[in-house]
Amino acid sequence: MGEAEERRRLAVVFDANVIIASLVKESGLNRFIVTLTPIIYPSYYPEILRKEVLEHIQVIAQKAGRPENEISVALESILESILEYLREVGSRELSQIIEASIRYVEDEADSLYVATYMLSPLT
């Protein structure tokens, strides 16, 4: 299988931890991953991701040593720059297969990410 064919078979699902890490350290590997991966591979995220990150803005700001409004702007900037490459998977879609995805995770909260992957057209 060639490299181009392999790329078409891979899908990436972004979770809140990667987005949060990219906000805490703007020059780190996670920022690189978050901004470039969606350009290279089909990428998805569950609808709840944005809410989950926003719930932690205060902690992210403290860890980053930045004001909360700056972190919010950075989050929107990151999402805007990659939004055209990402597909949001809605909660309604996820609820249809969430029970099937639970068996693949230890933490039930992570089942949303597995379900998002299961709904990608590459699986």
N, C-alpha and C. Protein backbone atom coordinates (compact mmCIF):
# COMPACT_ATOMS: atom_id res chain seq x y z
N MET A 1 0.84 -1.16 0.00
CA MET A 1 0.00 0.00 0.00
C MET A 1 0.90 1.23 0.00
N GLY A 2 0.65 2.17 -0.90
CA GLY A 2 1.45 3.38 -0.99
C GLY A 2 1.13 4.37 0.11
N GLU A 3 2.02 5.34 0.28
CA GLU A 3 1.84 6.33 1.34
C GLU A 3 0.56 7.14 1.16
N ALA A 4 0.27 7.54 -0.07
CA ALA A 4 -0.95 8.33 -0.33
C ALA A 4 -2.19 7.51 0.01
N GLU A 5 -2.19 6.22 -0.35
CA GLU A 5 -3.34 5.37 -0.04
C GLU A 5 -3.49 5.18 1.46
N GLU A 6 -2.36 5.03 2.17
CA GLU A 6 -2.41 4.88 3.62
C GLU A 6 -2.98 6.13 4.27
N ARG A 7 -2.61 7.31 3.80
CA ARG A 7 -3.15 8.56 4.34
C ARG A 7 -4.66 8.62 4.21
N ARG A 8 -5.18 8.13 3.11
CA ARG A 8 -6.63 8.17 2.90
C ARG A 8 -7.35 7.24 3.87
N ARG A 9 -6.65 6.23 4.38
CA ARG A 9 -7.26 5.26 5.27
C ARG A 9 -7.20 5.70 6.74
N LEU A 10 -6.39 6.69 7.05
CA LEU A 10 -6.25 7.15 8.42
C LEU A 10 -7.22 8.29 8.71
N ALA A 11 -7.71 8.32 9.92
CA ALA A 11 -8.53 9.44 10.37
C ALA A 11 -8.05 9.83 11.76
N VAL A 12 -8.11 11.11 12.05
CA VAL A 12 -7.66 11.62 13.34
C VAL A 12 -8.87 12.20 14.05
N VAL A 13 -9.00 11.87 15.33
CA VAL A 13 -10.05 12.45 16.16
C VAL A 13 -9.35 13.28 17.23
N PHE A 14 -9.69 14.55 17.28
CA PHE A 14 -9.11 15.44 18.27
C PHE A 14 -9.88 15.35 19.57
N ASP A 15 -9.14 15.26 20.66
CA ASP A 15 -9.80 15.28 21.97
C ASP A 15 -9.40 16.55 22.70
N ALA A 16 -10.10 16.83 23.78
CA ALA A 16 -9.92 18.08 24.51
C ALA A 16 -8.50 18.22 25.05
N ASN A 17 -7.87 17.13 25.46
CA ASN A 17 -6.53 17.21 26.05
C ASN A 17 -5.51 17.78 25.06
N VAL A 18 -5.60 17.41 23.81
CA VAL A 18 -4.66 17.91 22.81
C VAL A 18 -4.89 19.40 22.56
N ILE A 19 -6.15 19.78 22.47
CA ILE A 19 -6.47 21.20 22.26
C ILE A 19 -6.02 22.01 23.46
N ILE A 20 -6.29 21.52 24.66
CA ILE A 20 -5.89 22.23 25.88
C ILE A 20 -4.37 22.36 25.95
N ALA A 21 -3.66 21.30 25.65
CA ALA A 21 -2.19 21.35 25.68
C ALA A 21 -1.66 22.36 24.67
N SER A 22 -2.32 22.48 23.53
CA SER A 22 -1.86 23.44 22.52
C SER A 22 -2.11 24.87 22.97
N LEU A 23 -3.08 25.07 23.85
CA LEU A 23 -3.35 26.41 24.39
C LEU A 23 -2.40 26.77 25.53
N VAL A 24 -2.00 25.77 26.30
CA VAL A 24 -1.11 26.01 27.43
C VAL A 24 0.27 26.40 26.93
N LYS A 25 0.76 25.68 25.94
CA LYS A 25 2.11 25.95 25.43
C LYS A 25 2.02 26.17 23.92
N GLU A 26 1.99 27.44 23.53
CA GLU A 26 1.74 27.76 22.13
C GLU A 26 2.85 27.34 21.18
N SER A 27 4.06 27.13 21.68
CA SER A 27 5.14 26.73 20.78
C SER A 27 5.44 25.24 20.87
N GLY A 28 4.59 24.49 21.56
CA GLY A 28 4.85 23.08 21.76
C GLY A 28 4.40 22.20 20.61
N LEU A 29 4.70 20.92 20.74
CA LEU A 29 4.35 19.93 19.74
C LEU A 29 2.85 19.83 19.52
N ASN A 30 2.07 19.97 20.58
CA ASN A 30 0.62 19.87 20.42
C ASN A 30 0.06 20.96 19.52
N ARG A 31 0.58 22.17 19.60
CA ARG A 31 0.11 23.25 18.72
C ARG A 31 0.42 22.88 17.27
N PHE A 32 1.60 22.32 17.04
CA PHE A 32 2.00 21.87 15.72
C PHE A 32 1.03 20.79 15.22
N ILE A 33 0.74 19.83 16.08
CA ILE A 33 -0.16 18.73 15.73
C ILE A 33 -1.55 19.26 15.41
N VAL A 34 -2.05 20.14 16.26
CA VAL A 34 -3.41 20.67 16.10
C VAL A 34 -3.55 21.47 14.82
N THR A 35 -2.54 22.23 14.45
CA THR A 35 -2.67 23.08 13.27
C THR A 35 -2.33 22.37 11.96
N LEU A 36 -1.46 21.38 11.99
CA LEU A 36 -1.05 20.75 10.73
C LEU A 36 -1.73 19.42 10.42
N THR A 37 -2.03 18.63 11.42
CA THR A 37 -2.61 17.31 11.18
C THR A 37 -3.88 17.36 10.34
N PRO A 38 -4.81 18.29 10.62
CA PRO A 38 -6.04 18.31 9.82
C PRO A 38 -5.82 18.62 8.34
N ILE A 39 -4.71 19.23 8.03
CA ILE A 39 -4.40 19.52 6.62
C ILE A 39 -3.95 18.24 5.92
N ILE A 40 -3.31 17.35 6.67
CA ILE A 40 -2.74 16.13 6.10
C ILE A 40 -3.72 14.96 6.13
N TYR A 41 -4.46 14.82 7.24
CA TYR A 41 -5.35 13.67 7.43
C TYR A 41 -6.79 14.13 7.65
N PRO A 42 -7.75 13.34 7.22
CA PRO A 42 -9.14 13.66 7.56
C PRO A 42 -9.27 13.70 9.08
N SER A 43 -9.85 14.77 9.60
CA SER A 43 -9.88 14.96 11.05
C SER A 43 -11.28 15.29 11.53
N TYR A 44 -11.59 14.83 12.73
CA TYR A 44 -12.93 14.95 13.30
C TYR A 44 -12.84 15.32 14.76
N TYR A 45 -13.93 15.84 15.29
CA TYR A 45 -14.03 16.08 16.73
C TYR A 45 -15.49 16.00 17.14
N PRO A 46 -15.74 15.53 18.36
CA PRO A 46 -17.13 15.48 18.82
C PRO A 46 -17.61 16.89 19.16
N GLU A 47 -18.86 17.13 18.94
CA GLU A 47 -19.46 18.44 19.19
C GLU A 47 -19.16 18.95 20.60
N ILE A 48 -19.09 18.08 21.55
CA ILE A 48 -18.89 18.45 22.96
C ILE A 48 -17.50 19.01 23.23
N LEU A 49 -16.54 18.80 22.33
CA LEU A 49 -15.16 19.22 22.56
C LEU A 49 -15.05 20.70 22.90
N ARG A 50 -15.69 21.55 22.14
CA ARG A 50 -15.62 22.99 22.37
C ARG A 50 -16.08 23.34 23.79
N LYS A 51 -17.22 22.77 24.18
CA LYS A 51 -17.77 23.02 25.52
C LYS A 51 -16.80 22.53 26.59
N GLU A 52 -16.22 21.37 26.37
CA GLU A 52 -15.29 20.80 27.34
C GLU A 52 -14.06 21.69 27.52
N VAL A 53 -13.54 22.22 26.42
CA VAL A 53 -12.38 23.10 26.51
C VAL A 53 -12.77 24.40 27.19
N LEU A 54 -13.91 24.97 26.82
CA LEU A 54 -14.35 26.23 27.41
C LEU A 54 -14.57 26.12 28.92
N GLU A 55 -14.99 24.95 29.37
CA GLU A 55 -15.18 24.74 30.81
C GLU A 55 -13.87 24.82 31.58
N HIS A 56 -12.75 24.63 30.90
CA HIS A 56 -11.44 24.63 31.55
C HIS A 56 -10.61 25.87 31.24
N ILE A 57 -11.22 26.90 30.67
CA ILE A 57 -10.48 28.10 30.28
C ILE A 57 -9.71 28.70 31.46
N GLN A 58 -10.31 28.76 32.63
CA GLN A 58 -9.64 29.35 33.79
C GLN A 58 -8.37 28.57 34.15
N VAL A 59 -8.46 27.25 34.18
CA VAL A 59 -7.30 26.42 34.50
C VAL A 59 -6.24 26.54 33.41
N ILE A 60 -6.67 26.54 32.16
CA ILE A 60 -5.73 26.68 31.04
C ILE A 60 -4.99 28.01 31.15
N ALA A 61 -5.73 29.08 31.44
CA ALA A 61 -5.12 30.41 31.57
C ALA A 61 -4.08 30.43 32.69
N GLN A 62 -4.41 29.80 33.81
CA GLN A 62 -3.46 29.74 34.93
C GLN A 62 -2.19 28.99 34.54
N LYS A 63 -2.37 27.83 33.89
CA LYS A 63 -1.20 27.03 33.50
C LYS A 63 -0.36 27.74 32.44
N ALA A 64 -1.03 28.48 31.56
CA ALA A 64 -0.32 29.19 30.49
C ALA A 64 0.25 30.52 30.97
N GLY A 65 -0.22 30.98 32.14
CA GLY A 65 0.23 32.29 32.63
C GLY A 65 -0.31 33.43 31.79
N ARG A 66 -1.52 33.25 31.27
CA ARG A 66 -2.15 34.24 30.39
C ARG A 66 -3.55 34.57 30.90
N PRO A 67 -4.07 35.74 30.53
CA PRO A 67 -5.46 36.06 30.90
C PRO A 67 -6.46 35.15 30.18
N GLU A 68 -7.60 34.91 30.81
CA GLU A 68 -8.62 34.04 30.23
C GLU A 68 -9.07 34.50 28.85
N ASN A 69 -9.25 35.82 28.69
CA ASN A 69 -9.71 36.30 27.38
C ASN A 69 -8.68 36.02 26.28
N GLU A 70 -7.41 36.04 26.62
CA GLU A 70 -6.37 35.73 25.64
C GLU A 70 -6.43 34.25 25.24
N ILE A 71 -6.69 33.39 26.22
CA ILE A 71 -6.82 31.96 25.93
C ILE A 71 -8.05 31.71 25.07
N SER A 72 -9.14 32.39 25.34
CA SER A 72 -10.36 32.25 24.53
C SER A 72 -10.11 32.67 23.09
N VAL A 73 -9.39 33.78 22.92
CA VAL A 73 -9.05 34.25 21.57
C VAL A 73 -8.14 33.23 20.88
N ALA A 74 -7.17 32.70 21.61
CA ALA A 74 -6.26 31.70 21.03
C ALA A 74 -7.04 30.46 20.61
N LEU A 75 -7.99 30.03 21.44
CA LEU A 75 -8.81 28.87 21.09
C LEU A 75 -9.58 29.12 19.81
N GLU A 76 -10.24 30.27 19.72
CA GLU A 76 -10.99 30.59 18.51
C GLU A 76 -10.08 30.68 17.29
N SER A 77 -8.88 31.21 17.50
CA SER A 77 -7.91 31.32 16.40
C SER A 77 -7.49 29.94 15.91
N ILE A 78 -7.20 29.05 16.85
CA ILE A 78 -6.81 27.69 16.48
C ILE A 78 -7.95 27.01 15.73
N LEU A 79 -9.15 27.11 16.28
CA LEU A 79 -10.29 26.44 15.65
C LEU A 79 -10.61 27.05 14.28
N GLU A 80 -10.52 28.37 14.15
CA GLU A 80 -10.78 29.00 12.86
C GLU A 80 -9.76 28.57 11.81
N SER A 81 -8.49 28.46 12.22
CA SER A 81 -7.45 28.12 11.26
C SER A 81 -7.57 26.69 10.76
N ILE A 82 -8.19 25.81 11.57
CA ILE A 82 -8.30 24.42 11.14
C ILE A 82 -9.73 23.98 10.87
N LEU A 83 -10.69 24.89 11.13
CA LEU A 83 -12.09 24.52 11.02
C LEU A 83 -12.47 23.99 9.64
N GLU A 84 -11.91 24.57 8.61
CA GLU A 84 -12.27 24.11 7.27
C GLU A 84 -11.80 22.68 7.01
N TYR A 85 -10.86 22.20 7.81
CA TYR A 85 -10.34 20.85 7.63
C TYR A 85 -10.95 19.84 8.59
N LEU A 86 -11.64 20.31 9.62
CA LEU A 86 -12.22 19.43 10.62
C LEU A 86 -13.70 19.23 10.39
N ARG A 87 -14.17 18.06 10.72
CA ARG A 87 -15.61 17.79 10.66
C ARG A 87 -16.10 17.58 12.08
N GLU A 88 -17.07 18.38 12.47
CA GLU A 88 -17.68 18.21 13.78
C GLU A 88 -18.71 17.11 13.69
N VAL A 89 -18.67 16.18 14.62
CA VAL A 89 -19.64 15.10 14.67
C VAL A 89 -20.63 15.43 15.78
N GLY A 90 -21.89 15.56 15.40
CA GLY A 90 -22.92 15.99 16.33
C GLY A 90 -23.28 14.95 17.37
N SER A 91 -23.78 15.44 18.49
CA SER A 91 -24.17 14.56 19.59
C SER A 91 -25.26 13.58 19.17
N ARG A 92 -26.14 14.02 18.31
CA ARG A 92 -27.22 13.13 17.85
C ARG A 92 -26.64 11.93 17.10
N GLU A 93 -25.66 12.20 16.24
CA GLU A 93 -25.00 11.11 15.51
C GLU A 93 -24.29 10.16 16.49
N LEU A 94 -23.59 10.75 17.45
CA LEU A 94 -22.81 9.96 18.40
C LEU A 94 -23.69 9.10 19.29
N SER A 95 -24.84 9.62 19.67
CA SER A 95 -25.72 8.87 20.57
C SER A 95 -26.18 7.54 19.97
N GLN A 96 -26.16 7.45 18.64
CA GLN A 96 -26.59 6.23 17.97
C GLN A 96 -25.62 5.07 18.18
N ILE A 97 -24.35 5.36 18.40
CA ILE A 97 -23.37 4.28 18.54
C ILE A 97 -22.55 4.35 19.82
N ILE A 98 -22.94 5.22 20.73
CA ILE A 98 -22.15 5.40 21.94
C ILE A 98 -22.02 4.11 22.75
N GLU A 99 -23.06 3.32 22.81
CA GLU A 99 -22.99 2.07 23.57
C GLU A 99 -21.96 1.10 22.98
N ALA A 100 -21.88 1.07 21.67
CA ALA A 100 -20.90 0.19 21.01
C ALA A 100 -19.47 0.67 21.28
N SER A 101 -19.28 1.97 21.43
CA SER A 101 -17.93 2.50 21.63
C SER A 101 -17.41 2.34 23.05
N ILE A 102 -18.31 2.19 24.01
CA ILE A 102 -17.91 2.09 25.42
C ILE A 102 -17.00 0.89 25.68
N ARG A 103 -17.19 -0.17 24.96
CA ARG A 103 -16.39 -1.37 25.22
C ARG A 103 -14.91 -1.21 24.85
N TYR A 104 -14.57 -0.13 24.15
CA TYR A 104 -13.18 0.09 23.74
C TYR A 104 -12.40 1.01 24.67
N VAL A 105 -13.03 1.51 25.74
CA VAL A 105 -12.36 2.47 26.61
C VAL A 105 -12.48 2.07 28.07
N GLU A 106 -11.55 2.55 28.88
CA GLU A 106 -11.64 2.35 30.32
C GLU A 106 -12.48 3.46 30.96
N ASP A 107 -12.34 4.67 30.45
CA ASP A 107 -13.09 5.82 30.96
C ASP A 107 -14.25 6.10 30.01
N GLU A 108 -15.48 5.97 30.51
CA GLU A 108 -16.66 6.13 29.65
C GLU A 108 -16.70 7.48 28.94
N ALA A 109 -16.12 8.52 29.54
CA ALA A 109 -16.09 9.84 28.91
C ALA A 109 -15.34 9.81 27.59
N ASP A 110 -14.39 8.91 27.47
CA ASP A 110 -13.61 8.79 26.23
C ASP A 110 -14.37 8.09 25.12
N SER A 111 -15.49 7.49 25.44
CA SER A 111 -16.26 6.78 24.42
C SER A 111 -16.76 7.72 23.33
N LEU A 112 -16.94 8.99 23.65
CA LEU A 112 -17.35 9.97 22.62
C LEU A 112 -16.31 10.06 21.50
N TYR A 113 -15.05 9.99 21.89
CA TYR A 113 -13.98 10.09 20.89
C TYR A 113 -13.90 8.82 20.04
N VAL A 114 -14.10 7.69 20.67
CA VAL A 114 -14.12 6.42 19.93
C VAL A 114 -15.32 6.41 18.97
N ALA A 115 -16.47 6.86 19.45
CA ALA A 115 -17.66 6.91 18.60
C ALA A 115 -17.44 7.86 17.43
N THR A 116 -16.76 8.97 17.68
CA THR A 116 -16.45 9.92 16.60
C THR A 116 -15.62 9.23 15.54
N TYR A 117 -14.62 8.47 15.96
CA TYR A 117 -13.78 7.74 15.01
C TYR A 117 -14.62 6.69 14.26
N MET A 118 -15.47 6.00 14.98
CA MET A 118 -16.29 4.95 14.36
C MET A 118 -17.21 5.54 13.28
N LEU A 119 -17.59 6.79 13.42
CA LEU A 119 -18.46 7.44 12.45
C LEU A 119 -17.70 8.05 11.27
N SER A 120 -16.38 8.08 11.36
CA SER A 120 -15.63 8.65 10.24
C SER A 120 -15.80 7.72 9.04
N PRO A 121 -15.85 8.29 7.85
CA PRO A 121 -16.09 7.47 6.66
C PRO A 121 -14.94 6.53 6.32
N LEU A 122 -13.83 6.61 7.03
CA LEU A 122 -12.66 5.78 6.72
C LEU A 122 -12.65 4.48 7.51
N THR A 123 -13.59 4.30 8.44
CA THR A 123 -13.56 3.09 9.25
C THR A 123 -14.55 2.08 8.72
